[in-house]
């Protein structure tokens, strides 16, 4: 036998939880938006999303298929079509596509699919050996606010502490120009 009002209370609690989750989503999206606002797309000398995805398959394509506007307007279909692109982007591509992918994941557009969220979290992990220099160059242009946005993203998606710890260290490094070395 159910208590009077029990169903209403559970429904109200569930609705309050949904509202709180939406507030958190909007907070993290705002952090990403402010940190990366104004970042320009890669120029002709740097790989775009579709070029990087093609590179993953040992192919080459031009930039015609790529979005050239604000990263905030990057179509989700481009992100979904290029799950392996992040691995092959340089400093211009990372600065432009990273906030779009983080926003895509935070907004829940990729839930339940391997793709943007998995490649994103893998890309944000420290590299070792030969890849350490490559990773250092890719993240070299990130500002403190952008590094803080990455940490907010990792915290929001519930990344394990070992994935968050390196980004916490680079945020703690502040404006020290050698911040990337603190990632390791």
C-alpha atoms as a PDB file:
ATOM      1  CA  UNK A   1       0.000   0.000   0.000  1.00  0.00           C
ATOM      2  CA  UNK A   2       1.450   3.343  -1.016  1.00  0.00           C
ATOM      3  CA  UNK A   3       1.517   6.368   1.207  1.00  0.00           C
ATOM      4  CA  UNK A   4      -0.653   9.317   0.283  1.00  0.00           C
ATOM      5  CA  UNK A   5       1.389  11.799  -1.704  1.00  0.00           C
ATOM      6  CA  UNK A   6       4.288   9.355  -2.174  1.00  0.00           C
ATOM      7  CA  UNK A   7       3.974   9.308  -5.943  1.00  0.00           C
ATOM      8  CA  UNK A   8       3.683  13.106  -6.098  1.00  0.00           C
ATOM      9  CA  UNK A   9       6.725  13.517  -3.874  1.00  0.00           C
ATOM     10  CA  UNK A  10       8.819  11.178  -6.037  1.00  0.00           C
ATOM     11  CA  UNK A  11       7.685  13.008  -9.157  1.00  0.00           C
ATOM     12  CA  UNK A  12       8.537  16.401  -7.603  1.00  0.00           C
ATOM     13  CA  UNK A  13      11.939  15.107  -6.475  1.00  0.00           C
ATOM     14  CA  UNK A  14      12.652  13.757  -9.954  1.00  0.00           C
ATOM     15  CA  UNK A  15      11.670  17.075 -11.537  1.00  0.00           C
ATOM     16  CA  UNK A  16      13.912  18.971  -9.093  1.00  0.00           C
ATOM     17  CA  UNK A  17      16.788  16.651  -9.987  1.00  0.00           C
ATOM     18  CA  UNK A  18      16.214  17.265 -13.710  1.00  0.00           C
ATOM     19  CA  UNK A  19      16.212  21.028 -13.150  1.00  0.00           C
ATOM     20  CA  UNK A  20      19.464  20.810 -11.170  1.00  0.00           C
ATOM     21  CA  UNK A  21      21.081  18.708 -13.928  1.00  0.00           C
ATOM     22  CA  UNK A  22      19.987  21.252 -16.530  1.00  0.00           C
ATOM     23  CA  UNK A  23      21.447  24.082 -14.453  1.00  0.00           C
ATOM     24  CA  UNK A  24      24.757  22.196 -14.262  1.00  0.00           C
ATOM     25  CA  UNK A  25      24.741  21.548 -18.028  1.00  0.00           C
ATOM     26  CA  UNK A  26      24.114  25.230 -18.729  1.00  0.00           C
ATOM     27  CA  UNK A  27      26.863  26.230 -16.265  1.00  0.00           C
ATOM     28  CA  UNK A  28      29.485  24.023 -17.961  1.00  0.00           C
ATOM     29  CA  UNK A  29      28.355  25.059 -21.448  1.00  0.00           C
ATOM     30  CA  UNK A  30      28.729  28.693 -20.357  1.00  0.00           C
ATOM     31  CA  UNK A  31      32.259  28.088 -19.069  1.00  0.00           C
ATOM     32  CA  UNK A  32      33.234  26.484 -22.395  1.00  0.00           C
ATOM     33  CA  UNK A  33      31.534  29.241 -24.404  1.00  0.00           C
ATOM     34  CA  UNK A  34      33.283  32.064 -22.557  1.00  0.00           C
ATOM     35  CA  UNK A  35      36.691  30.396 -22.604  1.00  0.00           C
ATOM     36  CA  UNK A  36      36.749  29.561 -26.311  1.00  0.00           C
ATOM     37  CA  UNK A  37      34.587  32.329 -27.769  1.00  0.00           C
ATOM     38  CA  UNK A  38      36.224  33.920 -30.785  1.00  0.00           C
ATOM     39  CA  UNK A  39      38.556  31.023 -31.628  1.00  0.00           C
ATOM     40  CA  UNK A  40      38.894  30.892 -35.403  1.00  0.00           C
ATOM     41  CA  UNK A  41      38.699  27.741 -37.535  1.00  0.00           C
ATOM     42  CA  UNK A  42      41.939  26.201 -38.791  1.00  0.00           C
ATOM     43  CA  UNK A  43      43.454  28.031 -41.744  1.00  0.00           C
ATOM     44  CA  UNK A  44      44.447  26.400 -45.028  1.00  0.00           C
ATOM     45  CA  UNK A  45      47.749  25.184 -43.568  1.00  0.00           C
ATOM     46  CA  UNK A  46      46.105  23.207 -40.750  1.00  0.00           C
ATOM     47  CA  UNK A  47      43.792  20.196 -40.755  1.00  0.00           C
ATOM     48  CA  UNK A  48      40.074  20.630 -40.369  1.00  0.00           C
ATOM     49  CA  UNK A  49      37.730  18.035 -38.876  1.00  0.00           C
ATOM     50  CA  UNK A  50      37.033  16.145 -42.102  1.00  0.00           C
ATOM     51  CA  UNK A  51      40.673  16.336 -43.155  1.00  0.00           C
ATOM     52  CA  UNK A  52      41.765  14.884 -39.814  1.00  0.00           C
ATOM     53  CA  UNK A  53      39.183  12.099 -40.075  1.00  0.00           C
ATOM     54  CA  UNK A  54      40.382  11.287 -43.595  1.00  0.00           C
ATOM     55  CA  UNK A  55      43.975  11.321 -42.338  1.00  0.00           C
ATOM     56  CA  UNK A  56      42.990   8.648 -39.802  1.00  0.00           C
ATOM     57  CA  UNK A  57      42.084   6.431 -42.763  1.00  0.00           C
ATOM     58  CA  UNK A  58      45.268   7.337 -44.699  1.00  0.00           C
ATOM     59  CA  UNK A  59      43.287   9.517 -47.117  1.00  0.00           C
ATOM     60  CA  UNK A  60      43.394  13.177 -48.007  1.00  0.00           C
ATOM     61  CA  UNK A  61      40.481  15.516 -48.602  1.00  0.00           C
ATOM     62  CA  UNK A  62      40.170  19.258 -49.038  1.00  0.00           C
ATOM     63  CA  UNK A  63      38.326  21.625 -46.693  1.00  0.00           C
ATOM     64  CA  UNK A  64      35.159  22.001 -48.760  1.00  0.00           C
ATOM     65  CA  UNK A  65      33.054  19.764 -46.509  1.00  0.00           C
ATOM     66  CA  UNK A  66      34.104  21.546 -43.341  1.00  0.00           C
ATOM     67  CA  UNK A  67      32.218  24.164 -41.394  1.00  0.00           C
ATOM     68  CA  UNK A  68      34.087  27.471 -41.496  1.00  0.00           C
ATOM     69  CA  UNK A  69      32.027  29.560 -39.100  1.00  0.00           C
ATOM     70  CA  UNK A  70      31.931  29.812 -35.342  1.00  0.00           C
ATOM     71  CA  UNK A  71      32.695  26.580 -33.505  1.00  0.00           C
ATOM     72  CA  UNK A  72      29.413  27.080 -31.622  1.00  0.00           C
ATOM     73  CA  UNK A  73      27.572  26.493 -34.909  1.00  0.00           C
ATOM     74  CA  UNK A  74      29.448  23.331 -35.926  1.00  0.00           C
ATOM     75  CA  UNK A  75      26.761  20.837 -36.965  1.00  0.00           C
ATOM     76  CA  UNK A  76      26.483  17.780 -34.740  1.00  0.00           C
ATOM     77  CA  UNK A  77      26.481  15.678 -37.908  1.00  0.00           C
ATOM     78  CA  UNK A  78      30.098  16.758 -38.550  1.00  0.00           C
ATOM     79  CA  UNK A  79      31.114  15.641 -35.076  1.00  0.00           C
ATOM     80  CA  UNK A  80      29.295  12.329 -35.462  1.00  0.00           C
ATOM     81  CA  UNK A  81      30.875  11.739 -38.883  1.00  0.00           C
ATOM     82  CA  UNK A  82      34.411  12.323 -37.585  1.00  0.00           C
ATOM     83  CA  UNK A  83      34.905  10.329 -34.357  1.00  0.00           C
ATOM     84  CA  UNK A  84      38.647   9.797 -34.945  1.00  0.00           C
ATOM     85  CA  UNK A  85      39.542  13.306 -36.072  1.00  0.00           C
ATOM     86  CA  UNK A  86      40.692  14.647 -32.700  1.00  0.00           C
ATOM     87  CA  UNK A  87      43.769  12.428 -32.700  1.00  0.00           C
ATOM     88  CA  UNK A  88      45.033  14.150 -35.854  1.00  0.00           C
ATOM     89  CA  UNK A  89      44.375  17.823 -35.121  1.00  0.00           C
ATOM     90  CA  UNK A  90      47.136  20.315 -34.353  1.00  0.00           C
ATOM     91  CA  UNK A  91      47.031  23.396 -32.116  1.00  0.00           C
ATOM     92  CA  UNK A  92      44.611  25.308 -34.379  1.00  0.00           C
ATOM     93  CA  UNK A  93      42.288  22.357 -34.792  1.00  0.00           C
ATOM     94  CA  UNK A  94      42.307  21.507 -31.089  1.00  0.00           C
ATOM     95  CA  UNK A  95      41.508  25.089 -30.045  1.00  0.00           C
ATOM     96  CA  UNK A  96      38.615  25.263 -32.526  1.00  0.00           C
ATOM     97  CA  UNK A  97      37.061  21.783 -32.372  1.00  0.00           C
ATOM     98  CA  UNK A  98      37.691  20.901 -28.726  1.00  0.00           C
ATOM     99  CA  UNK A  99      35.032  23.286 -27.355  1.00  0.00           C
ATOM    100  CA  UNK A 100      32.516  22.098 -29.947  1.00  0.00           C
ATOM    101  CA  UNK A 101      33.085  18.471 -28.999  1.00  0.00           C
ATOM    102  CA  UNK A 102      32.992  19.192 -25.271  1.00  0.00           C
ATOM    103  CA  UNK A 103      29.735  21.118 -25.706  1.00  0.00           C
ATOM    104  CA  UNK A 104      28.317  18.309 -27.843  1.00  0.00           C
ATOM    105  CA  UNK A 105      29.056  15.775 -25.106  1.00  0.00           C
ATOM    106  CA  UNK A 106      27.848  17.990 -22.222  1.00  0.00           C
ATOM    107  CA  UNK A 107      24.577  18.696 -24.026  1.00  0.00           C
ATOM    108  CA  UNK A 108      24.028  14.939 -24.279  1.00  0.00           C
ATOM    109  CA  UNK A 109      24.118  14.776 -28.047  1.00  0.00           C
ATOM    110  CA  UNK A 110      26.387  11.720 -28.047  1.00  0.00           C
ATOM    111  CA  UNK A 111      25.015   9.698 -25.134  1.00  0.00           C
ATOM    112  CA  UNK A 112      25.374   5.977 -25.513  1.00  0.00           C
ATOM    113  CA  UNK A 113      27.580   6.146 -28.598  1.00  0.00           C
ATOM    114  CA  UNK A 114      31.279   5.538 -28.830  1.00  0.00           C
ATOM    115  CA  UNK A 115      32.686   8.472 -30.634  1.00  0.00           C
ATOM    116  CA  UNK A 116      33.087  12.064 -29.615  1.00  0.00           C
ATOM    117  CA  UNK A 117      33.022  11.448 -25.874  1.00  0.00           C
ATOM    118  CA  UNK A 118      35.505   8.561 -25.932  1.00  0.00           C
ATOM    119  CA  UNK A 119      37.962  10.148 -28.371  1.00  0.00           C
ATOM    120  CA  UNK A 120      37.688  13.419 -26.474  1.00  0.00           C
ATOM    121  CA  UNK A 121      38.545  11.887 -23.124  1.00  0.00           C
ATOM    122  CA  UNK A 122      41.376   9.881 -24.689  1.00  0.00           C
ATOM    123  CA  UNK A 123      42.755  13.029 -26.344  1.00  0.00           C
ATOM    124  CA  UNK A 124      42.741  14.879 -23.040  1.00  0.00           C
ATOM    125  CA  UNK A 125      44.877  12.247 -21.323  1.00  0.00           C
ATOM    126  CA  UNK A 126      48.605  12.915 -20.984  1.00  0.00           C
ATOM    127  CA  UNK A 127      50.753  11.269 -23.623  1.00  0.00           C
ATOM    128  CA  UNK A 128      54.082   9.594 -23.079  1.00  0.00           C
ATOM    129  CA  UNK A 129      57.119   8.817 -25.180  1.00  0.00           C
ATOM    130  CA  UNK A 130      57.141  10.171 -28.733  1.00  0.00           C
ATOM    131  CA  UNK A 131      53.592  11.489 -28.419  1.00  0.00           C
ATOM    132  CA  UNK A 132      54.425  13.792 -25.508  1.00  0.00           C
ATOM    133  CA  UNK A 133      55.950  16.475 -27.779  1.00  0.00           C
ATOM    134  CA  UNK A 134      53.038  16.150 -30.214  1.00  0.00           C
ATOM    135  CA  UNK A 135      50.552  16.553 -27.370  1.00  0.00           C
ATOM    136  CA  UNK A 136      52.476  19.518 -25.999  1.00  0.00           C
ATOM    137  CA  UNK A 137      52.279  21.328 -29.350  1.00  0.00           C
ATOM    138  CA  UNK A 138      48.562  20.557 -29.751  1.00  0.00           C
ATOM    139  CA  UNK A 139      47.670  22.111 -26.404  1.00  0.00           C
ATOM    140  CA  UNK A 140      50.289  24.865 -26.493  1.00  0.00           C
ATOM    141  CA  UNK A 141      47.874  27.701 -27.336  1.00  0.00           C
ATOM    142  CA  UNK A 142      45.318  26.987 -24.640  1.00  0.00           C
ATOM    143  CA  UNK A 143      44.744  29.844 -22.245  1.00  0.00           C
ATOM    144  CA  UNK A 144      44.195  29.420 -18.525  1.00  0.00           C
ATOM    145  CA  UNK A 145      40.438  29.935 -19.023  1.00  0.00           C
ATOM    146  CA  UNK A 146      40.420  27.231 -21.711  1.00  0.00           C
ATOM    147  CA  UNK A 147      42.289  24.806 -19.447  1.00  0.00           C
ATOM    148  CA  UNK A 148      39.756  25.587 -16.709  1.00  0.00           C
ATOM    149  CA  UNK A 149      36.958  24.783 -19.173  1.00  0.00           C
ATOM    150  CA  UNK A 150      38.565  21.415 -19.930  1.00  0.00           C
ATOM    151  CA  UNK A 151      38.735  20.639 -16.219  1.00  0.00           C
ATOM    152  CA  UNK A 152      35.086  21.709 -15.764  1.00  0.00           C
ATOM    153  CA  UNK A 153      34.154  19.407 -18.651  1.00  0.00           C
ATOM    154  CA  UNK A 154      36.013  16.434 -17.152  1.00  0.00           C
ATOM    155  CA  UNK A 155      34.417  17.037 -13.770  1.00  0.00           C
ATOM    156  CA  UNK A 156      30.968  17.342 -15.327  1.00  0.00           C
ATOM    157  CA  UNK A 157      31.200  14.064 -17.241  1.00  0.00           C
ATOM    158  CA  UNK A 158      32.450  12.283 -14.136  1.00  0.00           C
ATOM    159  CA  UNK A 159      35.868  11.441 -15.525  1.00  0.00           C
ATOM    160  CA  UNK A 160      37.958   9.404 -13.102  1.00  0.00           C
ATOM    161  CA  UNK A 161      40.344  11.311 -10.857  1.00  0.00           C
ATOM    162  CA  UNK A 162      43.379  10.100 -12.825  1.00  0.00           C
ATOM    163  CA  UNK A 163      41.981  11.884 -15.917  1.00  0.00           C
ATOM    164  CA  UNK A 164      41.197  15.084 -14.005  1.00  0.00           C
ATOM    165  CA  UNK A 165      44.391  15.314 -11.938  1.00  0.00           C
ATOM    166  CA  UNK A 166      46.706  16.412 -14.796  1.00  0.00           C
ATOM    167  CA  UNK A 167      44.307  19.188 -15.834  1.00  0.00           C
ATOM    168  CA  UNK A 168      43.941  20.308 -12.244  1.00  0.00           C
ATOM    169  CA  UNK A 169      47.750  20.662 -12.143  1.00  0.00           C
ATOM    170  CA  UNK A 170      47.872  22.768 -15.311  1.00  0.00           C
ATOM    171  CA  UNK A 171      45.083  24.982 -14.001  1.00  0.00           C
ATOM    172  CA  UNK A 172      47.023  25.376 -10.755  1.00  0.00           C
ATOM    173  CA  UNK A 173      50.055  26.404 -12.854  1.00  0.00           C
ATOM    174  CA  UNK A 174      48.145  29.569 -13.756  1.00  0.00           C
ATOM    175  CA  UNK A 175      49.884  31.746 -16.316  1.00  0.00           C
ATOM    176  CA  UNK A 176      53.260  30.001 -15.991  1.00  0.00           C
ATOM    177  CA  UNK A 177      54.381  29.613 -19.640  1.00  0.00           C
ATOM    178  CA  UNK A 178      55.705  26.145 -18.840  1.00  0.00           C
ATOM    179  CA  UNK A 179      52.260  24.958 -17.766  1.00  0.00           C
ATOM    180  CA  UNK A 180      52.198  21.968 -20.089  1.00  0.00           C
ATOM    181  CA  UNK A 181      55.174  20.318 -18.424  1.00  0.00           C
ATOM    182  CA  UNK A 182      53.092  20.235 -15.266  1.00  0.00           C
ATOM    183  CA  UNK A 183      50.611  17.975 -17.020  1.00  0.00           C
ATOM    184  CA  UNK A 184      53.093  15.131 -16.594  1.00  0.00           C
END
